[in-house]
Structure formats: structure tokens, C-alpha cells
Amino acid sequence: MQKQTMGIIALALVLVIALVYIGVDKYQEGKAQEQVAVYQQGIQAGYQQAIMQLVQQAATCQAVPVTFQNQTINMVAVECFQQAAGAGGQ
């Protein structure tokens, strides 16, 4: 009878340890997913802000230098060329 009680206690202990391990693992997984979501939101907000700044600067009819890796181009809004052509033709 004592061996059976010891076996039940050992199994219960193993069960508790397994449940704690699974709980901690799920908690850490949830935290990691939350951090990834926040990181992705930050990236999206950064992209939106960068595009908004490019559009605002290009709308002033000034050349806006844009650099990617080793290549730089100057952006100007097409409307600026249309305004210049309209003003030059009058």
C-alpha cells in the first residue's frame, strides 16, 4: 500500500511540474507574440510617416533627394511640372 501511495505522489509531482512547465512556456510564447506585434506596428507607423514626409516635401515643388543603398534620386511632384508648363505657356 505504501508503494502505491508513493507512486501516486510521484505521478502527481510529475503532473504538477509538467503543468508549470507548459504554463510558463505558453506565457513566454504569448509575450513574444505581443512583442512581435508591437514591433510590426512600429515598422508600419515608420513607413507611413516616411511616405507622408516624402509626399509633403515633394508637394512644395522642391527636389527631394531619396537614397536607397548606394542610389540617390530626386523626386518632384508631377503637378509641379504641369504648373510650370502652364505658367510658361501664358
PDB file of N, CA and C in Angstrom:
ATOM      1  N   MET A   1       0.822  -1.189   0.000  1.00  0.00           N
ATOM      2  CA  MET A   1       0.000   0.000   0.000  1.00  0.00           C
ATOM      3  C   MET A   1       0.866   1.254   0.000  1.00  0.00           C
ATOM      4  N   GLN A   2       1.978   1.221   0.698  1.00  0.00           N
ATOM      5  CA  GLN A   2       2.859   2.372   0.786  1.00  0.00           C
ATOM      6  C   GLN A   2       3.519   2.642  -0.571  1.00  0.00           C
ATOM      7  N   LYS A   3       3.857   1.603  -1.334  1.00  0.00           N
ATOM      8  CA  LYS A   3       4.443   1.784  -2.664  1.00  0.00           C
ATOM      9  C   LYS A   3       3.440   2.452  -3.595  1.00  0.00           C
ATOM     10  N   GLN A   4       2.183   2.083  -3.457  1.00  0.00           N
ATOM     11  CA  GLN A   4       1.141   2.670  -4.300  1.00  0.00           C
ATOM     12  C   GLN A   4       0.988   4.158  -3.975  1.00  0.00           C
ATOM     13  N   THR A   5       1.018   4.527  -2.725  1.00  0.00           N
ATOM     14  CA  THR A   5       0.913   5.930  -2.307  1.00  0.00           C
ATOM     15  C   THR A   5       2.112   6.729  -2.818  1.00  0.00           C
ATOM     16  N   MET A   6       3.286   6.134  -2.708  1.00  0.00           N
ATOM     17  CA  MET A   6       4.494   6.815  -3.198  1.00  0.00           C
ATOM     18  C   MET A   6       4.411   7.003  -4.716  1.00  0.00           C
ATOM     19  N   GLY A   7       3.887   6.020  -5.419  1.00  0.00           N
ATOM     20  CA  GLY A   7       3.729   6.114  -6.864  1.00  0.00           C
ATOM     21  C   GLY A   7       2.755   7.212  -7.245  1.00  0.00           C
ATOM     22  N   ILE A   8       1.655   7.312  -6.525  1.00  0.00           N
ATOM     23  CA  ILE A   8       0.655   8.357  -6.788  1.00  0.00           C
ATOM     24  C   ILE A   8       1.259   9.735  -6.520  1.00  0.00           C
ATOM     25  N   ILE A   9       2.005   9.863  -5.433  1.00  0.00           N
ATOM     26  CA  ILE A   9       2.657  11.141  -5.110  1.00  0.00           C
ATOM     27  C   ILE A   9       3.675  11.508  -6.192  1.00  0.00           C
ATOM     28  N   ALA A  10       4.434  10.524  -6.643  1.00  0.00           N
ATOM     29  CA  ALA A  10       5.432  10.789  -7.687  1.00  0.00           C
ATOM     30  C   ALA A  10       4.749  11.221  -8.984  1.00  0.00           C
ATOM     31  N   LEU A  11       3.677  10.532  -9.360  1.00  0.00           N
ATOM     32  CA  LEU A  11       2.945  10.904 -10.577  1.00  0.00           C
ATOM     33  C   LEU A  11       2.314  12.294 -10.446  1.00  0.00           C
ATOM     34  N   ALA A  12       1.773  12.589  -9.260  1.00  0.00           N
ATOM     35  CA  ALA A  12       1.181  13.912  -9.031  1.00  0.00           C
ATOM     36  C   ALA A  12       2.253  14.997  -9.134  1.00  0.00           C
ATOM     37  N   LEU A  13       3.425  14.713  -8.592  1.00  0.00           N
ATOM     38  CA  LEU A  13       4.530  15.671  -8.665  1.00  0.00           C
ATOM     39  C   LEU A  13       4.966  15.894 -10.117  1.00  0.00           C
ATOM     40  N   VAL A  14       5.065  14.822 -10.866  1.00  0.00           N
ATOM     41  CA  VAL A  14       5.425  14.941 -12.282  1.00  0.00           C
ATOM     42  C   VAL A  14       4.362  15.736 -13.029  1.00  0.00           C
ATOM     43  N   LEU A  15       3.092  15.494 -12.718  1.00  0.00           N
ATOM     44  CA  LEU A  15       1.998  16.227 -13.354  1.00  0.00           C
ATOM     45  C   LEU A  15       2.071  17.719 -13.042  1.00  0.00           C
ATOM     46  N   VAL A  16       2.331  18.066 -11.800  1.00  0.00           N
ATOM     47  CA  VAL A  16       2.441  19.474 -11.399  1.00  0.00           C
ATOM     48  C   VAL A  16       3.618  20.133 -12.120  1.00  0.00           C
ATOM     49  N   ILE A  17       4.736  19.460 -12.162  1.00  0.00           N
ATOM     50  CA  ILE A  17       5.916  20.015 -12.848  1.00  0.00           C
ATOM     51  C   ILE A  17       5.623  20.226 -14.335  1.00  0.00           C
ATOM     52  N   ALA A  18       4.958  19.237 -14.951  1.00  0.00           N
ATOM     53  CA  ALA A  18       4.621  19.363 -16.371  1.00  0.00           C
ATOM     54  C   ALA A  18       3.669  20.534 -16.606  1.00  0.00           C
ATOM     55  N   LEU A  19       2.671  20.690 -15.749  1.00  0.00           N
ATOM     56  CA  LEU A  19       1.716  21.792 -15.897  1.00  0.00           C
ATOM     57  C   LEU A  19       2.401  23.150 -15.722  1.00  0.00           C
ATOM     58  N   VAL A  20       3.297  23.250 -14.764  1.00  0.00           N
ATOM     59  CA  VAL A  20       4.030  24.503 -14.551  1.00  0.00           C
ATOM     60  C   VAL A  20       4.897  24.804 -15.769  1.00  0.00           C
ATOM     61  N   TYR A  21       5.578  23.793 -16.277  1.00  0.00           N
ATOM     62  CA  TYR A  21       6.437  23.980 -17.455  1.00  0.00           C
ATOM     63  C   TYR A  21       5.615  24.443 -18.657  1.00  0.00           C
ATOM     64  N   ILE A  22       4.475  23.799 -18.895  1.00  0.00           N
ATOM     65  CA  ILE A  22       3.607  24.173 -20.022  1.00  0.00           C
ATOM     66  C   ILE A  22       3.072  25.588 -19.825  1.00  0.00           C
ATOM     67  N   GLY A  23       2.670  25.922 -18.605  1.00  0.00           N
ATOM     68  CA  GLY A  23       2.156  27.269 -18.328  1.00  0.00           C
ATOM     69  C   GLY A  23       3.200  28.341 -18.581  1.00  0.00           C
ATOM     70  N   VAL A  24       4.407  28.119 -18.105  1.00  0.00           N
ATOM     71  CA  VAL A  24       5.484  29.092 -18.311  1.00  0.00           C
ATOM     72  C   VAL A  24       5.809  29.216 -19.793  1.00  0.00           C
ATOM     73  N   ASP A  25       5.842  28.099 -20.504  1.00  0.00           N
ATOM     74  CA  ASP A  25       6.130  28.116 -21.942  1.00  0.00           C
ATOM     75  C   ASP A  25       5.072  28.906 -22.703  1.00  0.00           C
ATOM     76  N   LYS A  26       3.806  28.683 -22.411  1.00  0.00           N
ATOM     77  CA  LYS A  26       2.716  29.405 -23.084  1.00  0.00           C
ATOM     78  C   LYS A  26       2.765  30.904 -22.755  1.00  0.00           C
ATOM     79  N   TYR A  27       3.095  31.228 -21.514  1.00  0.00           N
ATOM     80  CA  TYR A  27       3.202  32.631 -21.115  1.00  0.00           C
ATOM     81  C   TYR A  27       4.315  33.322 -21.892  1.00  0.00           C
ATOM     82  N   GLN A  28       5.472  32.685 -21.992  1.00  0.00           N
ATOM     83  CA  GLN A  28       6.590  33.268 -22.719  1.00  0.00           C
ATOM     84  C   GLN A  28       6.271  33.389 -24.209  1.00  0.00           C
ATOM     85  N   GLU A  29       5.570  32.406 -24.757  1.00  0.00           N
ATOM     86  CA  GLU A  29       5.176  32.455 -26.168  1.00  0.00           C
ATOM     87  C   GLU A  29       4.225  33.624 -26.418  1.00  0.00           C
ATOM     88  N   GLY A  30       3.288  33.827 -25.513  1.00  0.00           N
ATOM     89  CA  GLY A  30       2.356  34.950 -25.635  1.00  0.00           C
ATOM     90  C   GLY A  30       3.072  36.291 -25.567  1.00  0.00           C
ATOM     91  N   LYS A  31       4.030  36.415 -24.664  1.00  0.00           N
ATOM     92  CA  LYS A  31       4.816  37.646 -24.538  1.00  0.00           C
ATOM     93  C   LYS A  31       5.613  37.909 -25.815  1.00  0.00           C
ATOM     94  N   ALA A  32       6.206  36.856 -26.380  1.00  0.00           N
ATOM     95  CA  ALA A  32       6.997  37.002 -27.605  1.00  0.00           C
ATOM     96  C   ALA A  32       6.102  37.447 -28.754  1.00  0.00           C
ATOM     97  N   GLN A  33       4.909  36.886 -28.865  1.00  0.00           N
ATOM     98  CA  GLN A  33       3.985  37.289 -29.921  1.00  0.00           C
ATOM     99  C   GLN A  33       3.547  38.731 -29.741  1.00  0.00           C
ATOM    100  N   GLU A  34       3.360  39.143 -28.508  1.00  0.00           N
ATOM    101  CA  GLU A  34       2.983  40.529 -28.217  1.00  0.00           C
ATOM    102  C   GLU A  34       4.102  41.486 -28.631  1.00  0.00           C
ATOM    103  N   GLN A  35       5.342  41.108 -28.345  1.00  0.00           N
ATOM    104  CA  GLN A  35       6.475  41.951 -28.726  1.00  0.00           C
ATOM    105  C   GLN A  35       6.598  42.056 -30.237  1.00  0.00           C
ATOM    106  N   VAL A  36       6.371  40.964 -30.951  1.00  0.00           N
ATOM    107  CA  VAL A  36       6.430  40.983 -32.417  1.00  0.00           C
ATOM    108  C   VAL A  36       5.338  41.893 -32.967  1.00  0.00           C
ATOM    109  N   ALA A  37       4.144  41.830 -32.386  1.00  0.00           N
ATOM    110  CA  ALA A  37       3.041  42.679 -32.843  1.00  0.00           C
ATOM    111  C   ALA A  37       3.371  44.159 -32.644  1.00  0.00           C
ATOM    112  N   VAL A  38       3.937  44.497 -31.499  1.00  0.00           N
ATOM    113  CA  VAL A  38       4.313  45.893 -31.229  1.00  0.00           C
ATOM    114  C   VAL A  38       5.410  46.340 -32.197  1.00  0.00           C
ATOM    115  N   TYR A  39       6.371  45.472 -32.449  1.00  0.00           N
ATOM    116  CA  TYR A  39       7.455  45.767 -33.390  1.00  0.00           C
ATOM    117  C   TYR A  39       6.899  46.020 -34.791  1.00  0.00           C
ATOM    118  N   GLN A  40       5.969  45.192 -35.230  1.00  0.00           N
ATOM    119  CA  GLN A  40       5.380  45.355 -36.559  1.00  0.00           C
ATOM    120  C   GLN A  40       4.565  46.639 -36.650  1.00  0.00           C
ATOM    121  N   GLN A  41       3.873  46.993 -35.587  1.00  0.00           N
ATOM    122  CA  GLN A  41       3.121  48.250 -35.565  1.00  0.00           C
ATOM    123  C   GLN A  41       4.073  49.442 -35.682  1.00  0.00           C
ATOM    124  N   GLY A  42       5.215  49.353 -35.013  1.00  0.00           N
ATOM    125  CA  GLY A  42       6.216  50.417 -35.105  1.00  0.00           C
ATOM    126  C   GLY A  42       6.779  50.547 -36.505  1.00  0.00           C
ATOM    127  N   ILE A  43       7.040  49.431 -37.136  1.00  0.00           N
ATOM    128  CA  ILE A  43       7.547  49.457 -38.518  1.00  0.00           C
ATOM    129  C   ILE A  43       6.518  50.107 -39.431  1.00  0.00           C
ATOM    130  N   GLN A  44       5.261  49.699 -39.300  1.00  0.00           N
ATOM    131  CA  GLN A  44       4.192  50.252 -40.147  1.00  0.00           C
ATOM    132  C   GLN A  44       4.054  51.756 -39.929  1.00  0.00           C
ATOM    133  N   ALA A  45       4.103  52.192 -38.690  1.00  0.00           N
ATOM    134  CA  ALA A  45       3.998  53.626 -38.392  1.00  0.00           C
ATOM    135  C   ALA A  45       5.183  54.384 -38.983  1.00  0.00           C
ATOM    136  N   GLY A  46       6.365  53.794 -38.935  1.00  0.00           N
ATOM    137  CA  GLY A  46       7.546  54.434 -39.518  1.00  0.00           C
ATOM    138  C   GLY A  46       7.433  54.575 -41.024  1.00  0.00           C
ATOM    139  N   TYR A  47       6.954  53.512 -41.691  1.00  0.00           N
ATOM    140  CA  TYR A  47       6.754  53.580 -43.143  1.00  0.00           C
ATOM    141  C   TYR A  47       5.753  54.680 -43.493  1.00  0.00           C
ATOM    142  N   GLN A  48       4.651  54.729 -42.781  1.00  0.00           N
ATOM    143  CA  GLN A  48       3.619  55.730 -43.060  1.00  0.00           C
ATOM    144  C   GLN A  48       4.156  57.144 -42.864  1.00  0.00           C
ATOM    145  N   GLN A  49       4.913  57.341 -41.816  1.00  0.00           N
ATOM    146  CA  GLN A  49       5.465  58.664 -41.547  1.00  0.00           C
ATOM    147  C   GLN A  49       6.473  59.060 -42.629  1.00  0.00           C
ATOM    148  N   ALA A  50       7.305  58.127 -43.053  1.00  0.00           N
ATOM    149  CA  ALA A  50       8.295  58.426 -44.086  1.00  0.00           C
ATOM    150  C   ALA A  50       7.621  58.789 -45.402  1.00  0.00           C
ATOM    151  N   ILE A  51       6.611  58.035 -45.792  1.00  0.00           N
ATOM    152  CA  ILE A  51       5.892  58.331 -47.040  1.00  0.00           C
ATOM    153  C   ILE A  51       5.190  59.673 -46.943  1.00  0.00           C
ATOM    154  N   MET A  52       4.581  59.949 -45.802  1.00  0.00           N
ATOM    155  CA  MET A  52       3.893  61.222 -45.617  1.00  0.00           C
ATOM    156  C   MET A  52       4.873  62.393 -45.751  1.00  0.00           C
ATOM    157  N   GLN A  53       6.055  62.269 -45.174  1.00  0.00           N
ATOM    158  CA  GLN A  53       7.051  63.327 -45.278  1.00  0.00           C
ATOM    159  C   GLN A  53       7.520  63.504 -46.721  1.00  0.00           C
ATOM    160  N   LEU A  54       7.715  62.394 -47.441  1.00  0.00           N
ATOM    161  CA  LEU A  54       8.108  62.497 -48.848  1.00  0.00           C
ATOM    162  C   LEU A  54       7.058  63.224 -49.662  1.00  0.00           C
ATOM    163  N   VAL A  55       5.799  62.868 -49.457  1.00  0.00           N
ATOM    164  CA  VAL A  55       4.714  63.497 -50.210  1.00  0.00           C
ATOM    165  C   VAL A  55       4.626  64.982 -49.877  1.00  0.00           C
ATOM    166  N   GLN A  56       4.732  65.333 -48.609  1.00  0.00           N
ATOM    167  CA  GLN A  56       4.647  66.739 -48.206  1.00  0.00           C
ATOM    168  C   GLN A  56       5.798  67.556 -48.788  1.00  0.00           C
ATOM    169  N   GLN A  57       7.010  67.000 -48.766  1.00  0.00           N
ATOM    170  CA  GLN A  57       8.159  67.726 -49.305  1.00  0.00           C
ATOM    171  C   GLN A  57       8.080  67.836 -50.823  1.00  0.00           C
ATOM    172  N   ALA A  58       7.648  66.777 -51.483  1.00  0.00           N
ATOM    173  CA  ALA A  58       7.550  66.809 -52.945  1.00  0.00           C
ATOM    174  C   ALA A  58       6.473  67.794 -53.389  1.00  0.00           C
ATOM    175  N   ALA A  59       5.439  67.979 -52.601  1.00  0.00           N
ATOM    176  CA  ALA A  59       4.353  68.895 -52.947  1.00  0.00           C
ATOM    177  C   ALA A  59       4.795  70.356 -52.908  1.00  0.00           C
ATOM    178  N   THR A  60       5.939  70.654 -52.313  1.00  0.00           N
ATOM    179  CA  THR A  60       6.426  72.038 -52.263  1.00  0.00           C
ATOM    180  C   THR A  60       7.146  72.429 -53.549  1.00  0.00           C
ATOM    181  N   CYS A  61       7.189  71.530 -54.524  1.00  0.00           N
ATOM    182  CA  CYS A  61       7.856  71.738 -55.818  1.00  0.00           C
ATOM    183  C   CYS A  61       9.370  71.910 -55.666  1.00  0.00           C
ATOM    184  N   GLN A  62       9.920  71.380 -54.607  1.00  0.00           N
ATOM    185  CA  GLN A  62      11.360  71.337 -54.411  1.00  0.00           C
ATOM    186  C   GLN A  62      11.798  69.895 -54.649  1.00  0.00           C
ATOM    187  N   ALA A  63      12.987  69.715 -55.182  1.00  0.00           N
ATOM    188  CA  ALA A  63      13.509  68.364 -55.383  1.00  0.00           C
ATOM    189  C   ALA A  63      13.781  67.731 -54.021  1.00  0.00           C
ATOM    190  N   VAL A  64      13.317  66.517 -53.847  1.00  0.00           N
ATOM    191  CA  VAL A  64      13.502  65.789 -52.595  1.00  0.00           C
ATOM    192  C   VAL A  64      14.443  64.622 -52.872  1.00  0.00           C
ATOM    193  N   PRO A  65      15.655  64.659 -52.309  1.00  0.00           N
ATOM    194  CA  PRO A  65      16.576  63.533 -52.543  1.00  0.00           C
ATOM    195  C   PRO A  65      16.148  62.303 -51.740  1.00  0.00           C
ATOM    196  N   VAL A  66      16.090  61.167 -52.417  1.00  0.00           N
ATOM    197  CA  VAL A  66      15.734  59.902 -51.786  1.00  0.00           C
ATOM    198  C   VAL A  66      16.874  58.937 -52.060  1.00  0.00           C
ATOM    199  N   THR A  67      17.438  58.385 -50.992  1.00  0.00           N
ATOM    200  CA  THR A  67      18.579  57.471 -51.126  1.00  0.00           C
ATOM    201  C   THR A  67      18.185  56.090 -50.645  1.00  0.00           C
ATOM    202  N   PHE A  68      18.520  55.089 -51.448  1.00  0.00           N
ATOM    203  CA  PHE A  68      18.337  53.693 -51.062  1.00  0.00           C
ATOM    204  C   PHE A  68      19.606  52.956 -51.420  1.00  0.00           C
ATOM    205  N   GLN A  69      20.226  52.378 -50.419  1.00  0.00           N
ATOM    206  CA  GLN A  69      21.521  51.724 -50.546  1.00  0.00           C
ATOM    207  C   GLN A  69      22.508  52.747 -51.134  1.00  0.00           C
ATOM    208  N   ASN A  70      23.046  52.534 -52.314  1.00  0.00           N
ATOM    209  CA  ASN A  70      24.021  53.472 -52.889  1.00  0.00           C
ATOM    210  C   ASN A  70      23.422  54.302 -54.013  1.00  0.00           C
ATOM    211  N   GLN A  71      22.125  54.320 -54.165  1.00  0.00           N
ATOM    212  CA  GLN A  71      21.482  55.030 -55.269  1.00  0.00           C
ATOM    213  C   GLN A  71      20.632  56.172 -54.719  1.00  0.00           C
ATOM    214  N   THR A  72      20.802  57.368 -55.286  1.00  0.00           N
ATOM    215  CA  THR A  72      20.038  58.537 -54.884  1.00  0.00           C
ATOM    216  C   THR A  72      19.296  59.092 -56.088  1.00  0.00           C
ATOM    217  N   ILE A  73      18.016  59.389 -55.881  1.00  0.00           N
ATOM    218  CA  ILE A  73      17.224  60.050 -56.921  1.00  0.00           C
ATOM    219  C   ILE A  73      16.592  61.288 -56.315  1.00  0.00           C
ATOM    220  N   ASN A  74      16.202  62.231 -57.157  1.00  0.00           N
ATOM    221  CA  ASN A  74      15.499  63.422 -56.707  1.00  0.00           C
ATOM    222  C   ASN A  74      14.052  63.317 -57.158  1.00  0.00           C
ATOM    223  N   MET A  75      13.150  63.439 -56.201  1.00  0.00           N
ATOM    224  CA  MET A  75      11.723  63.344 -56.505  1.00  0.00           C
ATOM    225  C   MET A  75      11.108  64.734 -56.523  1.00  0.00           C
ATOM    226  N   VAL A  76      10.215  64.945 -57.504  1.00  0.00           N
ATOM    227  CA  VAL A  76       9.431  66.172 -57.596  1.00  0.00           C
ATOM    228  C   VAL A  76       8.027  65.746 -58.006  1.00  0.00           C
ATOM    229  N   ALA A  77       7.011  66.388 -57.465  1.00  0.00           N
ATOM    230  CA  ALA A  77       5.627  66.060 -57.807  1.00  0.00           C
ATOM    231  C   ALA A  77       5.359  66.417 -59.262  1.00  0.00           C
ATOM    232  N   VAL A  78       4.653  65.568 -59.962  1.00  0.00           N
ATOM    233  CA  VAL A  78       4.315  65.780 -61.375  1.00  0.00           C
ATOM    234  C   VAL A  78       3.515  67.071 -61.539  1.00  0.00           C
ATOM    235  N   GLU A  79       2.689  67.393 -60.563  1.00  0.00           N
ATOM    236  CA  GLU A  79       1.883  68.608 -60.626  1.00  0.00           C
ATOM    237  C   GLU A  79       2.761  69.852 -60.770  1.00  0.00           C
ATOM    238  N   CYS A  80       3.960  69.808 -60.221  1.00  0.00           N
ATOM    239  CA  CYS A  80       4.874  70.947 -60.316  1.00  0.00           C
ATOM    240  C   CYS A  80       5.285  71.180 -61.774  1.00  0.00           C
ATOM    241  N   PHE A  81       5.508  70.103 -62.510  1.00  0.00           N
ATOM    242  CA  PHE A  81       5.854  70.246 -63.928  1.00  0.00           C
ATOM    243  C   PHE A  81       4.660  70.770 -64.723  1.00  0.00           C
ATOM    244  N   GLN A  82       3.483  70.322 -64.385  1.00  0.00           N
ATOM    245  CA  GLN A  82       2.272  70.782 -65.064  1.00  0.00           C
ATOM    246  C   GLN A  82       2.040  72.264 -64.794  1.00  0.00           C
ATOM    247  N   GLN A  83       2.281  72.712 -63.563  1.00  0.00           N
ATOM    248  CA  GLN A  83       2.126  74.130 -63.225  1.00  0.00           C
ATOM    249  C   GLN A  83       3.162  74.967 -63.977  1.00  0.00           C
ATOM    250  N   ALA A  84       4.386  74.463 -64.030  1.00  0.00           N
ATOM    251  CA  ALA A  84       5.454  75.188 -64.727  1.00  0.00           C
ATOM    252  C   ALA A  84       5.160  75.287 -66.214  1.00  0.00           C
ATOM    253  N   ALA A  85       4.632  74.226 -66.812  1.00  0.00           N
ATOM    254  CA  ALA A  85       4.308  74.246 -68.236  1.00  0.00           C
ATOM    255  C   ALA A  85       3.149  75.198 -68.498  1.00  0.00           C
ATOM    256  N   GLY A  86       2.184  75.220 -67.598  1.00  0.00           N
ATOM    257  CA  GLY A  86       1.047  76.134 -67.740  1.00  0.00           C
ATOM    258  C   GLY A  86       1.462  77.597 -67.578  1.00  0.00           C
ATOM    259  N   ALA A  87       2.354  77.863 -66.651  1.00  0.00           N
ATOM    260  CA  ALA A  87       2.822  79.233 -66.416  1.00  0.00           C
ATOM    261  C   ALA A  87       3.748  79.680 -67.543  1.00  0.00           C
ATOM    262  N   GLY A  88       4.526  78.788 -68.103  1.00  0.00           N
ATOM    263  CA  GLY A  88       5.450  79.123 -69.181  1.00  0.00           C
ATOM    264  C   GLY A  88       4.722  79.366 -70.497  1.00  0.00           C
ATOM    265  N   GLY A  89       3.579  78.764 -70.678  1.00  0.00           N
ATOM    266  CA  GLY A  89       2.831  78.897 -71.919  1.00  0.00           C
ATOM    267  C   GLY A  89       1.984  80.152 -71.955  1.00  0.00           C
ATOM    268  N   GLN A  90       1.829  80.840 -70.841  1.00  0.00           N
ATOM    269  CA  GLN A  90       0.953  82.024 -70.823  1.00  0.00           C
ATOM    270  C   GLN A  90       1.708  83.281 -71.096  1.00  0.00           C
TER     271      GLN A  90
END
